[in-house]
């Protein structure tokens, strides 16, 4: 049984409103962000960090970190926002204890 034209129009309008609300929420969340892990040749987790641009961030580490020569591999996981990536980074640092992370670890008294 076909729907009444007004009902179809209302459903279409409601769908457009929902899509617009989702897009607005995504804009507020900001761009996607990556959580990356850097590993040594023996599989030791060296560092966990977040960035919007992993390639640029890796170049920065190469220029600034004495331990960069130890990095043999990496993993990158993308999150919907910097906030989501930051939460994942904090949890990873606390649970996995990367060798060279300083920020995010509980400080000794």
N, C-alpha and C. Protein backbone atom coordinates (compact mmCIF):
# COMPACT_ATOMS: atom_id res chain seq x y z
N UNK A 1 0.84 -1.17 0.00
CA UNK A 1 0.00 0.00 0.00
C UNK A 1 0.89 1.24 0.00
N UNK A 2 0.73 2.13 -0.97
CA UNK A 2 1.58 3.32 -1.04
C UNK A 2 1.31 4.27 0.12
N UNK A 3 2.35 4.98 0.51
CA UNK A 3 2.22 5.95 1.60
C UNK A 3 1.61 7.23 1.08
N UNK A 4 1.03 7.95 1.98
CA UNK A 4 0.47 9.25 1.65
C UNK A 4 1.62 10.20 1.32
N UNK A 5 1.54 11.03 0.28
CA UNK A 5 2.63 11.93 -0.11
C UNK A 5 3.13 12.81 1.02
N UNK A 6 2.23 13.27 1.88
CA UNK A 6 2.68 14.13 2.99
C UNK A 6 3.54 13.34 3.97
N UNK A 7 3.21 12.10 4.22
CA UNK A 7 4.00 11.27 5.13
C UNK A 7 5.38 11.06 4.56
N UNK A 8 5.46 10.75 3.27
CA UNK A 8 6.76 10.55 2.63
C UNK A 8 7.59 11.82 2.72
N UNK A 9 6.99 12.96 2.47
CA UNK A 9 7.71 14.23 2.56
C UNK A 9 8.21 14.50 3.97
N UNK A 10 7.38 14.19 4.96
CA UNK A 10 7.78 14.39 6.35
C UNK A 10 8.95 13.49 6.70
N UNK A 11 8.89 12.23 6.29
CA UNK A 11 10.00 11.31 6.57
C UNK A 11 11.29 11.78 5.90
N UNK A 12 11.18 12.27 4.70
CA UNK A 12 12.36 12.78 3.99
C UNK A 12 12.93 13.99 4.73
N UNK A 13 12.06 14.90 5.16
CA UNK A 13 12.49 16.08 5.90
C UNK A 13 13.17 15.68 7.21
N UNK A 14 12.56 14.73 7.94
CA UNK A 14 13.16 14.27 9.19
C UNK A 14 14.53 13.66 8.95
N UNK A 15 14.66 12.90 7.87
CA UNK A 15 15.95 12.31 7.53
C UNK A 15 17.00 13.37 7.25
N UNK A 16 16.61 14.44 6.56
CA UNK A 16 17.54 15.52 6.26
C UNK A 16 17.97 16.23 7.55
N UNK A 17 17.03 16.41 8.45
CA UNK A 17 17.35 17.05 9.73
C UNK A 17 18.33 16.19 10.52
N UNK A 18 18.12 14.90 10.53
CA UNK A 18 19.02 13.99 11.25
C UNK A 18 20.41 14.03 10.64
N UNK A 19 20.50 13.96 9.31
CA UNK A 19 21.80 14.01 8.63
C UNK A 19 22.51 15.33 8.95
N UNK A 20 21.79 16.44 8.92
CA UNK A 20 22.38 17.74 9.22
C UNK A 20 22.90 17.77 10.66
N UNK A 21 22.15 17.20 11.59
CA UNK A 21 22.57 17.17 13.00
C UNK A 21 23.84 16.33 13.17
N UNK A 22 23.92 15.22 12.47
CA UNK A 22 25.11 14.36 12.54
C UNK A 22 26.32 15.11 11.99
N UNK A 23 26.16 15.77 10.84
CA UNK A 23 27.27 16.52 10.25
C UNK A 23 27.73 17.65 11.17
N UNK A 24 26.78 18.33 11.81
CA UNK A 24 27.12 19.41 12.73
C UNK A 24 27.92 18.85 13.92
N UNK A 25 27.50 17.73 14.45
CA UNK A 25 28.21 17.11 15.57
C UNK A 25 29.62 16.69 15.15
N UNK A 26 29.77 16.16 13.95
CA UNK A 26 31.09 15.75 13.47
C UNK A 26 32.01 16.96 13.32
N UNK A 27 31.48 18.08 12.85
CA UNK A 27 32.30 19.29 12.72
C UNK A 27 32.78 19.77 14.09
N UNK A 28 31.94 19.67 15.09
CA UNK A 28 32.32 20.09 16.43
C UNK A 28 33.40 19.19 17.01
N UNK A 29 33.37 17.94 16.68
CA UNK A 29 34.35 16.99 17.21
C UNK A 29 35.74 17.25 16.66
N UNK A 30 35.83 17.85 15.50
CA UNK A 30 37.13 18.12 14.90
C UNK A 30 37.53 17.01 13.95
N UNK A 31 38.72 17.16 13.36
CA UNK A 31 39.18 16.18 12.38
C UNK A 31 39.62 14.87 13.03
N UNK A 32 39.75 13.85 12.20
CA UNK A 32 40.24 12.56 12.69
C UNK A 32 41.64 12.72 13.24
N UNK A 33 41.97 11.88 14.18
CA UNK A 33 43.31 11.89 14.77
C UNK A 33 43.82 10.46 14.87
N UNK A 34 45.13 10.32 14.80
CA UNK A 34 45.75 8.99 14.83
C UNK A 34 46.44 8.75 16.16
N UNK A 35 46.30 7.53 16.65
CA UNK A 35 47.09 7.04 17.77
C UNK A 35 48.16 6.16 17.16
N UNK A 36 49.43 6.44 17.48
CA UNK A 36 50.50 5.62 16.92
C UNK A 36 51.34 5.01 18.03
N UNK A 37 51.88 3.83 17.71
CA UNK A 37 52.79 3.14 18.61
C UNK A 37 54.08 2.89 17.84
N UNK A 38 55.21 3.14 18.50
CA UNK A 38 56.52 2.92 17.90
C UNK A 38 57.20 1.78 18.63
N UNK A 39 57.74 0.83 17.87
CA UNK A 39 58.33 -0.38 18.43
C UNK A 39 59.80 -0.52 18.07
N UNK A 40 60.57 -1.13 18.96
CA UNK A 40 61.95 -1.48 18.68
C UNK A 40 62.01 -2.79 17.89
N UNK A 41 63.19 -3.15 17.44
CA UNK A 41 63.38 -4.36 16.63
C UNK A 41 62.96 -5.63 17.38
N UNK A 42 63.09 -5.61 18.70
CA UNK A 42 62.72 -6.79 19.49
C UNK A 42 61.26 -6.78 19.92
N UNK A 43 60.48 -5.80 19.43
CA UNK A 43 59.06 -5.71 19.76
C UNK A 43 58.75 -4.86 20.97
N UNK A 44 59.76 -4.30 21.62
CA UNK A 44 59.55 -3.44 22.77
C UNK A 44 58.77 -2.19 22.35
N UNK A 45 57.73 -1.87 23.10
CA UNK A 45 56.98 -0.65 22.84
C UNK A 45 57.81 0.53 23.34
N UNK A 46 58.20 1.40 22.39
CA UNK A 46 59.05 2.52 22.74
C UNK A 46 58.25 3.78 23.08
N UNK A 47 57.19 4.03 22.31
CA UNK A 47 56.49 5.31 22.46
C UNK A 47 55.07 5.19 21.93
N UNK A 48 54.15 5.91 22.57
CA UNK A 48 52.76 6.02 22.12
C UNK A 48 52.45 7.50 22.02
N UNK A 49 51.81 7.91 20.92
CA UNK A 49 51.46 9.31 20.75
C UNK A 49 50.25 9.48 19.87
N UNK A 50 49.79 10.73 19.75
CA UNK A 50 48.68 11.04 18.85
C UNK A 50 49.08 12.19 17.94
N UNK A 51 48.45 12.23 16.77
CA UNK A 51 48.75 13.26 15.79
C UNK A 51 47.64 13.31 14.75
N UNK A 52 47.56 14.42 14.04
CA UNK A 52 46.67 14.51 12.89
C UNK A 52 47.39 14.04 11.63
N UNK A 53 48.73 14.05 11.66
CA UNK A 53 49.54 13.75 10.49
C UNK A 53 50.74 12.88 10.89
N UNK A 54 50.58 11.54 10.85
CA UNK A 54 51.66 10.66 11.31
C UNK A 54 52.99 10.88 10.59
N UNK A 55 52.97 11.07 9.29
CA UNK A 55 54.23 11.22 8.55
C UNK A 55 55.03 12.42 9.06
N UNK A 56 54.37 13.55 9.22
CA UNK A 56 55.04 14.75 9.73
C UNK A 56 55.52 14.53 11.16
N UNK A 57 54.69 13.90 11.97
CA UNK A 57 55.06 13.66 13.37
C UNK A 57 56.28 12.75 13.47
N UNK A 58 56.35 11.74 12.62
CA UNK A 58 57.51 10.84 12.65
C UNK A 58 58.78 11.60 12.26
N UNK A 59 58.68 12.50 11.28
CA UNK A 59 59.84 13.33 10.91
C UNK A 59 60.26 14.19 12.10
N UNK A 60 59.31 14.75 12.83
CA UNK A 60 59.63 15.57 14.00
C UNK A 60 60.36 14.74 15.05
N UNK A 61 59.86 13.54 15.31
CA UNK A 61 60.54 12.67 16.28
C UNK A 61 61.96 12.38 15.81
N UNK A 62 62.12 12.13 14.52
CA UNK A 62 63.45 11.84 13.97
C UNK A 62 64.43 12.97 14.20
N UNK A 63 63.93 14.20 14.17
CA UNK A 63 64.78 15.37 14.39
C UNK A 63 65.05 15.66 15.86
N UNK A 64 64.17 15.22 16.75
CA UNK A 64 64.23 15.69 18.14
C UNK A 64 64.50 14.62 19.20
N UNK A 65 64.28 13.36 18.88
CA UNK A 65 64.37 12.32 19.91
C UNK A 65 65.62 11.47 19.72
N UNK A 66 66.43 11.38 20.78
CA UNK A 66 67.66 10.59 20.71
C UNK A 66 67.39 9.11 20.46
N UNK A 67 66.23 8.65 20.89
CA UNK A 67 65.90 7.23 20.77
C UNK A 67 65.32 6.86 19.40
N UNK A 68 65.14 7.81 18.50
CA UNK A 68 64.49 7.53 17.21
C UNK A 68 65.18 6.41 16.44
N UNK A 69 66.49 6.32 16.53
CA UNK A 69 67.22 5.28 15.80
C UNK A 69 66.80 3.88 16.23
N UNK A 70 66.19 3.73 17.40
CA UNK A 70 65.75 2.42 17.89
C UNK A 70 64.45 1.96 17.25
N UNK A 71 63.69 2.86 16.63
CA UNK A 71 62.38 2.52 16.07
C UNK A 71 62.54 1.63 14.84
N UNK A 72 61.90 0.47 14.90
CA UNK A 72 61.95 -0.48 13.78
C UNK A 72 60.60 -0.62 13.08
N UNK A 73 59.50 -0.35 13.81
CA UNK A 73 58.18 -0.48 13.21
C UNK A 73 57.18 0.40 13.96
N UNK A 74 56.00 0.53 13.36
CA UNK A 74 54.96 1.33 14.01
C UNK A 74 53.60 0.80 13.62
N UNK A 75 52.61 1.18 14.41
CA UNK A 75 51.20 0.94 14.07
C UNK A 75 50.48 2.27 14.19
N UNK A 76 49.46 2.46 13.38
CA UNK A 76 48.66 3.68 13.41
C UNK A 76 47.19 3.27 13.43
N UNK A 77 46.44 3.80 14.38
CA UNK A 77 45.00 3.56 14.48
C UNK A 77 44.31 4.91 14.45
N UNK A 78 43.33 5.05 13.55
CA UNK A 78 42.63 6.33 13.40
C UNK A 78 41.39 6.38 14.28
N UNK A 79 41.16 7.56 14.87
CA UNK A 79 39.99 7.82 15.70
C UNK A 79 39.19 8.98 15.11
N UNK A 80 37.94 9.05 15.48
CA UNK A 80 37.03 10.07 14.92
C UNK A 80 37.38 11.48 15.32
N UNK A 81 38.10 11.65 16.43
CA UNK A 81 38.44 12.99 16.90
C UNK A 81 39.71 12.94 17.73
N UNK A 82 40.29 14.12 17.97
CA UNK A 82 41.47 14.19 18.83
C UNK A 82 41.11 13.76 20.24
N UNK A 83 39.92 14.12 20.67
CA UNK A 83 39.46 13.73 22.01
C UNK A 83 39.47 12.21 22.16
N UNK A 84 38.91 11.50 21.18
CA UNK A 84 38.87 10.04 21.24
C UNK A 84 40.28 9.45 21.23
N UNK A 85 41.15 10.02 20.39
CA UNK A 85 42.53 9.53 20.31
C UNK A 85 43.27 9.81 21.63
N UNK A 86 43.03 10.96 22.23
CA UNK A 86 43.67 11.30 23.50
C UNK A 86 43.26 10.34 24.61
N UNK A 87 42.00 9.98 24.64
CA UNK A 87 41.53 9.00 25.64
C UNK A 87 42.22 7.66 25.43
N UNK A 88 42.33 7.23 24.17
CA UNK A 88 42.98 5.96 23.86
C UNK A 88 44.47 6.02 24.19
N UNK A 89 45.09 7.17 23.92
CA UNK A 89 46.53 7.33 24.22
C UNK A 89 46.77 7.22 25.72
N UNK A 90 45.95 7.90 26.50
CA UNK A 90 46.10 7.87 27.96
C UNK A 90 45.98 6.45 28.49
N UNK A 91 44.98 5.73 28.01
CA UNK A 91 44.78 4.34 28.43
C UNK A 91 45.95 3.46 28.01
N UNK A 92 46.45 3.67 26.79
CA UNK A 92 47.57 2.85 26.29
C UNK A 92 48.83 3.11 27.10
N UNK A 93 49.12 4.37 27.40
CA UNK A 93 50.32 4.69 28.17
C UNK A 93 50.25 4.07 29.56
N UNK A 94 49.09 4.18 30.20
CA UNK A 94 48.94 3.61 31.55
C UNK A 94 49.04 2.09 31.53
N UNK A 95 48.42 1.44 30.54
CA UNK A 95 48.37 -0.03 30.51
C UNK A 95 49.63 -0.66 29.93
N UNK A 96 50.23 -0.02 28.92
CA UNK A 96 51.32 -0.65 28.17
C UNK A 96 52.71 -0.15 28.56
N UNK A 97 52.79 0.96 29.28
CA UNK A 97 54.05 1.50 29.79
C UNK A 97 55.17 1.58 28.75
N UNK A 98 54.99 2.39 27.71
CA UNK A 98 56.05 2.53 26.71
C UNK A 98 57.33 3.07 27.34
N UNK A 99 58.44 2.63 26.79
CA UNK A 99 59.74 2.93 27.37
C UNK A 99 60.06 4.42 27.45
N UNK A 100 59.69 5.20 26.44
CA UNK A 100 60.10 6.60 26.39
C UNK A 100 58.99 7.62 26.62
N UNK A 101 57.79 7.20 26.93
CA UNK A 101 56.76 8.18 27.27
C UNK A 101 56.99 8.70 28.68
N UNK A 102 56.85 9.99 28.83
CA UNK A 102 56.97 10.60 30.15
C UNK A 102 55.61 11.15 30.55
N UNK A 103 55.00 11.95 29.65
CA UNK A 103 53.68 12.52 29.92
C UNK A 103 52.65 11.41 29.94
N UNK A 104 51.72 11.50 30.86
CA UNK A 104 50.65 10.53 30.94
C UNK A 104 50.89 9.42 31.95
N UNK A 105 52.12 9.32 32.46
CA UNK A 105 52.40 8.32 33.48
C UNK A 105 52.24 8.92 34.87
N UNK A 106 51.76 8.13 35.81
CA UNK A 106 51.68 8.64 37.19
C UNK A 106 53.05 9.04 37.68
N UNK A 107 53.13 10.16 38.36
CA UNK A 107 54.41 10.65 38.87
C UNK A 107 54.70 10.05 40.25
N UNK A 108 55.97 9.75 40.50
CA UNK A 108 56.39 9.23 41.81
C UNK A 108 56.32 10.36 42.83
N UNK A 109 56.01 10.00 44.06
CA UNK A 109 55.95 11.01 45.14
C UNK A 109 57.31 11.39 45.62
